Each structure stands twice: as C-alpha cells, then as structure tokens.
PDB file of N, CA and C in Angstrom:
ATOM      1  N   MET A   1       8.541 -19.102  -2.915  1.00  0.00           N
ATOM      2  CA  MET A   1       8.675 -17.800  -3.571  1.00  0.00           C
ATOM      3  C   MET A   1       9.492 -16.888  -2.661  1.00  0.00           C
ATOM      4  N   ASP A   2      10.290 -16.042  -3.243  1.00  0.00           N
ATOM      5  CA  ASP A   2      11.158 -15.124  -2.518  1.00  0.00           C
ATOM      6  C   ASP A   2      10.332 -14.007  -1.874  1.00  0.00           C
ATOM      7  N   SER A   3      10.627 -13.706  -0.607  1.00  0.00           N
ATOM      8  CA  SER A   3       9.852 -12.679   0.093  1.00  0.00           C
ATOM      9  C   SER A   3      10.077 -11.285  -0.501  1.00  0.00           C
ATOM     10  N   ASN A   4      11.259 -11.029  -1.061  1.00  0.00           N
ATOM     11  CA  ASN A   4      11.502  -9.724  -1.699  1.00  0.00           C
ATOM     12  C   ASN A   4      10.639  -9.542  -2.944  1.00  0.00           C
ATOM     13  N   VAL A   5      10.477 -10.608  -3.708  1.00  0.00           N
ATOM     14  CA  VAL A   5       9.617 -10.555  -4.898  1.00  0.00           C
ATOM     15  C   VAL A   5       8.174 -10.305  -4.476  1.00  0.00           C
ATOM     16  N   LEU A   6       7.743 -11.014  -3.440  1.00  0.00           N
ATOM     17  CA  LEU A   6       6.379 -10.809  -2.933  1.00  0.00           C
ATOM     18  C   LEU A   6       6.193  -9.378  -2.431  1.00  0.00           C
ATOM     19  N   TYR A   7       7.188  -8.875  -1.708  1.00  0.00           N
ATOM     20  CA  TYR A   7       7.082  -7.512  -1.199  1.00  0.00           C
ATOM     21  C   TYR A   7       6.933  -6.514  -2.337  1.00  0.00           C
ATOM     22  N   LYS A   8       7.783  -6.624  -3.328  1.00  0.00           N
ATOM     23  CA  LYS A   8       7.726  -5.687  -4.459  1.00  0.00           C
ATOM     24  C   LYS A   8       6.379  -5.747  -5.164  1.00  0.00           C
ATOM     25  N   SER A   9       5.889  -6.948  -5.388  1.00  0.00           N
ATOM     26  CA  SER A   9       4.609  -7.119  -6.071  1.00  0.00           C
ATOM     27  C   SER A   9       3.451  -6.570  -5.238  1.00  0.00           C
ATOM     28  N   LEU A  10       3.396  -6.956  -3.973  1.00  0.00           N
ATOM     29  CA  LEU A  10       2.288  -6.528  -3.120  1.00  0.00           C
ATOM     30  C   LEU A  10       2.346  -5.033  -2.810  1.00  0.00           C
ATOM     31  N   SER A  11       3.538  -4.499  -2.574  1.00  0.00           N
ATOM     32  CA  SER A  11       3.621  -3.062  -2.270  1.00  0.00           C
ATOM     33  C   SER A  11       3.243  -2.222  -3.491  1.00  0.00           C
ATOM     34  N   ALA A  12       3.584  -2.686  -4.685  1.00  0.00           N
ATOM     35  CA  ALA A  12       3.183  -1.968  -5.903  1.00  0.00           C
ATOM     36  C   ALA A  12       1.666  -1.979  -6.063  1.00  0.00           C
ATOM     37  N   ARG A  13       1.061  -3.121  -5.788  1.00  0.00           N
ATOM     38  CA  ARG A  13      -0.406  -3.208  -5.880  1.00  0.00           C
ATOM     39  C   ARG A  13      -1.089  -2.331  -4.841  1.00  0.00           C
ATOM     40  N   ILE A  14      -0.541  -2.331  -3.625  1.00  0.00           N
ATOM     41  CA  ILE A  14      -1.105  -1.500  -2.562  1.00  0.00           C
ATOM     42  C   ILE A  14      -1.006  -0.029  -2.946  1.00  0.00           C
ATOM     43  N   THR A  15       0.144   0.385  -3.435  1.00  0.00           N
ATOM     44  CA  THR A  15       0.336   1.784  -3.836  1.00  0.00           C
ATOM     45  C   THR A  15      -0.638   2.177  -4.936  1.00  0.00           C
ATOM     46  N   ALA A  16      -0.779   1.330  -5.937  1.00  0.00           N
ATOM     47  CA  ALA A  16      -1.713   1.621  -7.037  1.00  0.00           C
ATOM     48  C   ALA A  16      -3.144   1.725  -6.521  1.00  0.00           C
ATOM     49  N   GLU A  17      -3.504   0.849  -5.612  1.00  0.00           N
ATOM     50  CA  GLU A  17      -4.857   0.874  -5.044  1.00  0.00           C
ATOM     51  C   GLU A  17      -5.098   2.170  -4.268  1.00  0.00           C
ATOM     52  N   VAL A  18      -4.142   2.556  -3.447  1.00  0.00           N
ATOM     53  CA  VAL A  18      -4.289   3.780  -2.651  1.00  0.00           C
ATOM     54  C   VAL A  18      -4.393   5.005  -3.559  1.00  0.00           C
ATOM     55  N   LEU A  19      -3.529   5.092  -4.543  1.00  0.00           N
ATOM     56  CA  LEU A  19      -3.531   6.261  -5.426  1.00  0.00           C
ATOM     57  C   LEU A  19      -4.763   6.324  -6.313  1.00  0.00           C
ATOM     58  N   GLY A  20      -5.370   5.194  -6.571  1.00  0.00           N
ATOM     59  CA  GLY A  20      -6.558   5.161  -7.409  1.00  0.00           C
ATOM     60  C   GLY A  20      -7.856   5.371  -6.659  1.00  0.00           C
ATOM     61  N   ARG A  21      -7.781   5.518  -5.366  1.00  0.00           N
ATOM     62  CA  ARG A  21      -8.972   5.646  -4.520  1.00  0.00           C
ATOM     63  C   ARG A  21      -9.388   7.083  -4.318  1.00  0.00           C
ATOM     64  N   ASP A  22     -10.680   7.298  -4.312  1.00  0.00           N
ATOM     65  CA  ASP A  22     -11.248   8.552  -3.831  1.00  0.00           C
ATOM     66  C   ASP A  22     -11.942   8.196  -2.532  1.00  0.00           C
ATOM     67  N   GLN A  23     -11.325   8.526  -1.447  1.00  0.00           N
ATOM     68  CA  GLN A  23     -11.798   8.075  -0.144  1.00  0.00           C
ATOM     69  C   GLN A  23     -12.027   9.271   0.751  1.00  0.00           C
ATOM     70  N   GLU A  24     -13.076   9.215   1.512  1.00  0.00           N
ATOM     71  CA  GLU A  24     -13.360  10.289   2.446  1.00  0.00           C
ATOM     72  C   GLU A  24     -12.901   9.918   3.854  1.00  0.00           C
ATOM     73  N   ASN A  25     -12.976   8.646   4.180  1.00  0.00           N
ATOM     74  CA  ASN A  25     -12.628   8.197   5.520  1.00  0.00           C
ATOM     75  C   ASN A  25     -11.288   7.468   5.487  1.00  0.00           C
ATOM     76  N   TRP A  26     -10.216   8.228   5.242  1.00  0.00           N
ATOM     77  CA  TRP A  26      -8.896   7.636   5.084  1.00  0.00           C
ATOM     78  C   TRP A  26      -8.417   6.865   6.303  1.00  0.00           C
ATOM     79  N   PRO A  27      -8.603   7.354   7.525  1.00  0.00           N
ATOM     80  CA  PRO A  27      -8.115   6.572   8.673  1.00  0.00           C
ATOM     81  C   PRO A  27      -8.709   5.164   8.719  1.00  0.00           C
ATOM     82  N   SER A  28      -9.988   5.048   8.486  1.00  0.00           N
ATOM     83  CA  SER A  28     -10.637   3.741   8.474  1.00  0.00           C
ATOM     84  C   SER A  28     -10.134   2.888   7.314  1.00  0.00           C
ATOM     85  N   TYR A  29      -9.943   3.509   6.169  1.00  0.00           N
ATOM     86  CA  TYR A  29      -9.440   2.790   5.000  1.00  0.00           C
ATOM     87  C   TYR A  29      -8.071   2.179   5.289  1.00  0.00           C
ATOM     88  N   PHE A  30      -7.171   2.966   5.869  1.00  0.00           N
ATOM     89  CA  PHE A  30      -5.839   2.460   6.154  1.00  0.00           C
ATOM     90  C   PHE A  30      -5.859   1.397   7.255  1.00  0.00           C
ATOM     91  N   ASP A  31      -6.744   1.528   8.227  1.00  0.00           N
ATOM     92  CA  ASP A  31      -6.895   0.477   9.243  1.00  0.00           C
ATOM     93  C   ASP A  31      -7.318  -0.831   8.577  1.00  0.00           C
ATOM     94  N   ASP A  32      -8.287  -0.739   7.672  1.00  0.00           N
ATOM     95  CA  ASP A  32      -8.756  -1.926   6.955  1.00  0.00           C
ATOM     96  C   ASP A  32      -7.662  -2.510   6.064  1.00  0.00           C
ATOM     97  N   LEU A  33      -6.880  -1.649   5.447  1.00  0.00           N
ATOM     98  CA  LEU A  33      -5.801  -2.099   4.577  1.00  0.00           C
ATOM     99  C   LEU A  33      -4.734  -2.847   5.379  1.00  0.00           C
ATOM    100  N   ARG A  34      -4.395  -2.333   6.560  1.00  0.00           N
ATOM    101  CA  ARG A  34      -3.431  -3.030   7.414  1.00  0.00           C
ATOM    102  C   ARG A  34      -3.966  -4.394   7.837  1.00  0.00           C
ATOM    103  N   ALA A  35      -5.238  -4.469   8.180  1.00  0.00           N
ATOM    104  CA  ALA A  35      -5.848  -5.752   8.559  1.00  0.00           C
ATOM    105  C   ALA A  35      -5.829  -6.723   7.382  1.00  0.00           C
ATOM    106  N   LEU A  36      -6.093  -6.228   6.188  1.00  0.00           N
ATOM    107  CA  LEU A  36      -6.064  -7.065   4.989  1.00  0.00           C
ATOM    108  C   LEU A  36      -4.657  -7.603   4.740  1.00  0.00           C
ATOM    109  N   VAL A  37      -3.650  -6.767   4.898  1.00  0.00           N
ATOM    110  CA  VAL A  37      -2.257  -7.209   4.720  1.00  0.00           C
ATOM    111  C   VAL A  37      -1.952  -8.346   5.686  1.00  0.00           C
ATOM    112  N   ARG A  38      -2.318  -8.158   6.952  1.00  0.00           N
ATOM    113  CA  ARG A  38      -2.059  -9.206   7.953  1.00  0.00           C
ATOM    114  C   ARG A  38      -2.732 -10.515   7.560  1.00  0.00           C
ATOM    115  N   ARG A  39      -3.987 -10.429   7.145  1.00  0.00           N
ATOM    116  CA  ARG A  39      -4.739 -11.638   6.809  1.00  0.00           C
ATOM    117  C   ARG A  39      -4.180 -12.318   5.567  1.00  0.00           C
ATOM    118  N   VAL A  40      -3.927 -11.568   4.529  1.00  0.00           N
ATOM    119  CA  VAL A  40      -3.458 -12.147   3.265  1.00  0.00           C
ATOM    120  C   VAL A  40      -2.109 -12.828   3.448  1.00  0.00           C
ATOM    121  N   VAL A  41      -1.184 -12.164   4.112  1.00  0.00           N
ATOM    122  CA  VAL A  41       0.147 -12.757   4.279  1.00  0.00           C
ATOM    123  C   VAL A  41       0.080 -13.966   5.197  1.00  0.00           C
ATOM    124  N   SER A  42      -0.699 -13.898   6.257  1.00  0.00           N
ATOM    125  CA  SER A  42      -0.768 -15.032   7.182  1.00  0.00           C
ATOM    126  C   SER A  42      -1.423 -16.253   6.550  1.00  0.00           C
ATOM    127  N   GLU A  43      -2.304 -16.027   5.572  1.00  0.00           N
ATOM    128  CA  GLU A  43      -3.015 -17.136   4.923  1.00  0.00           C
ATOM    129  C   GLU A  43      -2.360 -17.590   3.618  1.00  0.00           C
ATOM    130  N   ALA A  44      -1.216 -17.023   3.279  1.00  0.00           N
ATOM    131  CA  ALA A  44      -0.571 -17.327   1.998  1.00  0.00           C
ATOM    132  C   ALA A  44       0.277 -18.596   2.110  1.00  0.00           C
ATOM    133  N   ASP A  45      -0.373 -19.721   2.297  1.00  0.00           N
ATOM    134  CA  ASP A  45       0.333 -20.989   2.448  1.00  0.00           C
ATOM    135  C   ASP A  45       1.115 -21.376   1.202  1.00  0.00           C
ATOM    136  N   GLU A  46       0.587 -21.053   0.040  1.00  0.00           N
ATOM    137  CA  GLU A  46       1.239 -21.448  -1.212  1.00  0.00           C
ATOM    138  C   GLU A  46       2.509 -20.650  -1.500  1.00  0.00           C
ATOM    139  N   SER A  47       2.781 -19.637  -0.694  1.00  0.00           N
ATOM    140  CA  SER A  47       3.977 -18.818  -0.913  1.00  0.00           C
ATOM    141  C   SER A  47       5.252 -19.579  -0.584  1.00  0.00           C
ATOM    142  N   GLY A  48       5.155 -20.564   0.283  1.00  0.00           N
ATOM    143  CA  GLY A  48       6.336 -21.315   0.701  1.00  0.00           C
ATOM    144  C   GLY A  48       7.191 -20.579   1.715  1.00  0.00           C
ATOM    145  N   LEU A  49       6.708 -19.444   2.228  1.00  0.00           N
ATOM    146  CA  LEU A  49       7.467 -18.684   3.216  1.00  0.00           C
ATOM    147  C   LEU A  49       7.322 -19.318   4.594  1.00  0.00           C
ATOM    148  N   SER A  50       8.395 -19.255   5.361  1.00  0.00           N
ATOM    149  CA  SER A  50       8.342 -19.729   6.743  1.00  0.00           C
ATOM    150  C   SER A  50       7.540 -18.727   7.570  1.00  0.00           C
ATOM    151  N   ALA A  51       7.215 -19.116   8.788  1.00  0.00           N
ATOM    152  CA  ALA A  51       6.475 -18.216   9.679  1.00  0.00           C
ATOM    153  C   ALA A  51       7.268 -16.934   9.930  1.00  0.00           C
ATOM    154  N   ASP A  52       8.582 -17.052  10.095  1.00  0.00           N
ATOM    155  CA  ASP A  52       9.415 -15.862  10.317  1.00  0.00           C
ATOM    156  C   ASP A  52       9.431 -14.961   9.084  1.00  0.00           C
ATOM    157  N   GLU A  53       9.502 -15.572   7.902  1.00  0.00           N
ATOM    158  CA  GLU A  53       9.489 -14.783   6.666  1.00  0.00           C
ATOM    159  C   GLU A  53       8.153 -14.082   6.484  1.00  0.00           C
ATOM    160  N   ARG A  54       7.076 -14.757   6.811  1.00  0.00           N
ATOM    161  CA  ARG A  54       5.749 -14.131   6.724  1.00  0.00           C
ATOM    162  C   ARG A  54       5.634 -12.964   7.684  1.00  0.00           C
ATOM    163  N   SER A  55       6.151 -13.156   8.884  1.00  0.00           N
ATOM    164  CA  SER A  55       6.107 -12.088   9.879  1.00  0.00           C
ATOM    165  C   SER A  55       6.896 -10.871   9.395  1.00  0.00           C
ATOM    166  N   ALA A  56       8.079 -11.108   8.843  1.00  0.00           N
ATOM    167  CA  ALA A  56       8.901 -10.009   8.327  1.00  0.00           C
ATOM    168  C   ALA A  56       8.219  -9.320   7.139  1.00  0.00           C
ATOM    169  N   LEU A  57       7.621 -10.109   6.253  1.00  0.00           N
ATOM    170  CA  LEU A  57       6.917  -9.543   5.098  1.00  0.00           C
ATOM    171  C   LEU A  57       5.726  -8.712   5.557  1.00  0.00           C
ATOM    172  N   THR A  58       4.994  -9.217   6.527  1.00  0.00           N
ATOM    173  CA  THR A  58       3.854  -8.468   7.067  1.00  0.00           C
ATOM    174  C   THR A  58       4.332  -7.127   7.612  1.00  0.00           C
ATOM    175  N   GLN A  59       5.409  -7.147   8.376  1.00  0.00           N
ATOM    176  CA  GLN A  59       5.939  -5.916   8.962  1.00  0.00           C
ATOM    177  C   GLN A  59       6.359  -4.929   7.876  1.00  0.00           C
ATOM    178  N   GLN A  60       7.033  -5.419   6.841  1.00  0.00           N
ATOM    179  CA  GLN A  60       7.456  -4.547   5.737  1.00  0.00           C
ATOM    180  C   GLN A  60       6.252  -3.907   5.056  1.00  0.00           C
ATOM    181  N   LEU A  61       5.227  -4.708   4.800  1.00  0.00           N
ATOM    182  CA  LEU A  61       4.045  -4.182   4.112  1.00  0.00           C
ATOM    183  C   LEU A  61       3.266  -3.213   4.990  1.00  0.00           C
ATOM    184  N   ILE A  62       3.179  -3.491   6.287  1.00  0.00           N
ATOM    185  CA  ILE A  62       2.505  -2.572   7.212  1.00  0.00           C
ATOM    186  C   ILE A  62       3.252  -1.237   7.228  1.00  0.00           C
ATOM    187  N   GLU A  63       4.580  -1.295   7.253  1.00  0.00           N
ATOM    188  CA  GLU A  63       5.370  -0.059   7.213  1.00  0.00           C
ATOM    189  C   GLU A  63       5.155   0.683   5.894  1.00  0.00           C
ATOM    190  N   HIS A  64       5.001  -0.050   4.800  1.00  0.00           N
ATOM    191  CA  HIS A  64       4.724   0.580   3.501  1.00  0.00           C
ATOM    192  C   HIS A  64       3.376   1.300   3.543  1.00  0.00           C
ATOM    193  N   VAL A  65       2.374   0.647   4.097  1.00  0.00           N
ATOM    194  CA  VAL A  65       1.050   1.261   4.224  1.00  0.00           C
ATOM    195  C   VAL A  65       1.139   2.514   5.095  1.00  0.00           C
ATOM    196  N   MET A  66       1.877   2.430   6.185  1.00  0.00           N
ATOM    197  CA  MET A  66       2.023   3.586   7.070  1.00  0.00           C
ATOM    198  C   MET A  66       2.728   4.747   6.359  1.00  0.00           C
ATOM    199  N   SER A  67       3.710   4.441   5.521  1.00  0.00           N
ATOM    200  CA  SER A  67       4.387   5.515   4.784  1.00  0.00           C
ATOM    201  C   SER A  67       3.454   6.149   3.756  1.00  0.00           C
ATOM    202  N   LEU A  68       2.617   5.339   3.128  1.00  0.00           N
ATOM    203  CA  LEU A  68       1.627   5.894   2.197  1.00  0.00           C
ATOM    204  C   LEU A  68       0.641   6.788   2.934  1.00  0.00           C
ATOM    205  N   GLU A  69       0.219   6.333   4.092  1.00  0.00           N
ATOM    206  CA  GLU A  69      -0.724   7.105   4.892  1.00  0.00           C
ATOM    207  C   GLU A  69      -0.115   8.458   5.283  1.00  0.00           C
ATOM    208  N   ALA A  70       1.155   8.446   5.658  1.00  0.00           N
ATOM    209  CA  ALA A  70       1.830   9.681   6.060  1.00  0.00           C
ATOM    210  C   ALA A  70       2.025  10.634   4.884  1.00  0.00           C
ATOM    211  N   CYS A  71       2.208  10.083   3.691  1.00  0.00           N
ATOM    212  CA  CYS A  71       2.492  10.895   2.502  1.00  0.00           C
ATOM    213  C   CYS A  71       1.256  11.221   1.683  1.00  0.00           C
ATOM    214  N   LEU A  72       0.118  10.709   2.067  1.00  0.00           N
ATOM    215  CA  LEU A  72      -1.075  10.819   1.225  1.00  0.00           C
ATOM    216  C   LEU A  72      -1.367  12.226   0.733  1.00  0.00           C
ATOM    217  N   PRO A  73      -1.321  13.256   1.571  1.00  0.00           N
ATOM    218  CA  PRO A  73      -1.614  14.592   1.024  1.00  0.00           C
ATOM    219  C   PRO A  73      -0.665  14.990  -0.098  1.00  0.00           C
ATOM    220  N   LYS A  74       0.581  14.541  -0.026  1.00  0.00           N
ATOM    221  CA  LYS A  74       1.552  14.868  -1.070  1.00  0.00           C
ATOM    222  C   LYS A  74       1.339  14.004  -2.312  1.00  0.00           C
ATOM    223  N   LEU A  75       0.890  12.761  -2.106  1.00  0.00           N
ATOM    224  CA  LEU A  75       0.695  11.846  -3.228  1.00  0.00           C
ATOM    225  C   LEU A  75      -0.574  12.144  -4.007  1.00  0.00           C
ATOM    226  N   ARG A  76      -1.571  12.717  -3.338  1.00  0.00           N
ATOM    227  CA  ARG A  76      -2.847  12.981  -3.980  1.00  0.00           C
ATOM    228  C   ARG A  76      -3.134  14.480  -3.956  1.00  0.00           C
ATOM    229  N   PRO A  77      -2.487  15.229  -4.832  1.00  0.00           N
ATOM    230  CA  PRO A  77      -2.716  16.681  -4.851  1.00  0.00           C
ATOM    231  C   PRO A  77      -4.143  16.997  -5.282  1.00  0.00           C
ATOM    232  N   THR A  78      -4.535  18.213  -5.013  1.00  0.00           N
ATOM    233  CA  THR A  78      -5.866  18.634  -5.435  1.00  0.00           C
ATOM    234  C   THR A  78      -5.928  18.707  -6.957  1.00  0.00           C
ATOM    235  N   ASN A  79      -7.125  18.731  -7.486  1.00  0.00           N
ATOM    236  CA  ASN A  79      -7.280  18.847  -8.942  1.00  0.00           C
ATOM    237  C   ASN A  79      -6.609  20.113  -9.472  1.00  0.00           C
ATOM    238  N   ALA A  80      -6.705  21.194  -8.734  1.00  0.00           N
ATOM    239  CA  ALA A  80      -6.106  22.452  -9.166  1.00  0.00           C
ATOM    240  C   ALA A  80      -4.591  22.296  -9.282  1.00  0.00           C
ATOM    241  N   ALA A  81      -3.996  21.630  -8.309  1.00  0.00           N
ATOM    242  CA  ALA A  81      -2.542  21.443  -8.344  1.00  0.00           C
ATOM    243  C   ALA A  81      -2.152  20.510  -9.488  1.00  0.00           C
ATOM    244  N   ARG A  82      -2.942  19.487  -9.739  1.00  0.00           N
ATOM    245  CA  ARG A  82      -2.638  18.552 -10.824  1.00  0.00           C
ATOM    246  C   ARG A  82      -2.717  19.238 -12.177  1.00  0.00           C
ATOM    247  N   LEU A  83      -3.625  20.191 -12.300  1.00  0.00           N
ATOM    248  CA  LEU A  83      -3.852  20.841 -13.585  1.00  0.00           C
ATOM    249  C   LEU A  83      -3.012  22.100 -13.748  1.00  0.00           C
ATOM    250  N   ASP A  84      -2.297  22.485 -12.710  1.00  0.00           N
ATOM    251  CA  ASP A  84      -1.469  23.682 -12.779  1.00  0.00           C
ATOM    252  C   ASP A  84      -0.456  23.542 -13.904  1.00  0.00           C
ATOM    253  N   GLY A  85      -0.516  24.419 -14.848  1.00  0.00           N
ATOM    254  CA  GLY A  85       0.427  24.401 -15.958  1.00  0.00           C
ATOM    255  C   GLY A  85       0.005  23.508 -17.112  1.00  0.00           C
ATOM    256  N   VAL A  86      -1.081  22.750 -16.954  1.00  0.00           N
ATOM    257  CA  VAL A  86      -1.523  21.893 -18.052  1.00  0.00           C
ATOM    258  C   VAL A  86      -2.132  22.763 -19.147  1.00  0.00           C
ATOM    259  N   GLY A  87      -1.710  22.533 -20.337  1.00  0.00           N
ATOM    260  CA  GLY A  87      -2.260  23.264 -21.467  1.00  0.00           C
ATOM    261  C   GLY A  87      -1.572  24.585 -21.756  1.00  0.00           C
ATOM    262  N   SER A  88      -0.639  24.953 -20.873  1.00  0.00           N
ATOM    263  CA  SER A  88       0.081  26.199 -21.155  1.00  0.00           C
ATOM    264  C   SER A  88       1.256  25.895 -22.070  1.00  0.00           C
ATOM    265  N   ALA A  89       1.507  26.770 -22.985  1.00  0.00           N
ATOM    266  CA  ALA A  89       2.589  26.527 -23.947  1.00  0.00           C
ATOM    267  C   ALA A  89       3.724  27.474 -23.752  1.00  0.00           C
TER     268      ALA A  89
END
C-alpha cells in the first residue's frame, strides 16, 4: 500500500477523533495519541511498507498530531463562538 494513501487516511481519522473529543487532560491525550501512532505504524505488517517508509510515515503522523495539538484552541471554539450568529437572519 502507498504510504501517501495511508497518511491521508490515518491523518483524516486522527483529525476526526481529535475534533470529536471532549477532553480535559489534552496533554496526556496527545501523548497517548503519539504513542498509539508509533505502535500502529510499527505493527502494520500487512501494509507492505519498508522499515524506512514506516519510519517516515510515523514521523509525518506525529507531526500531524503536533500541529493539531498546537491548533486545538482554534479548532475547538467555545460553544458561544460556535453559536455566534446562528439563527440570526
């Protein structure tokens, strides 16, 4: 399987998971998410990726998680901000 296809699929799933979470302990959550990425990619024998490709994919996904972590306040606005202007005509 192509590593770019895997990256797109996994990064989309990670993003959806992060945005769908109501989490209080975000630092711990992101630490766990990075550990999960490392484990899943390293154990993905059926992917057909070489060790170098797995390493590169892991790095890309870790960087994606880090970018989500950095942007989280912007990605998850408060309820008031989400509802601002809703229902106004």
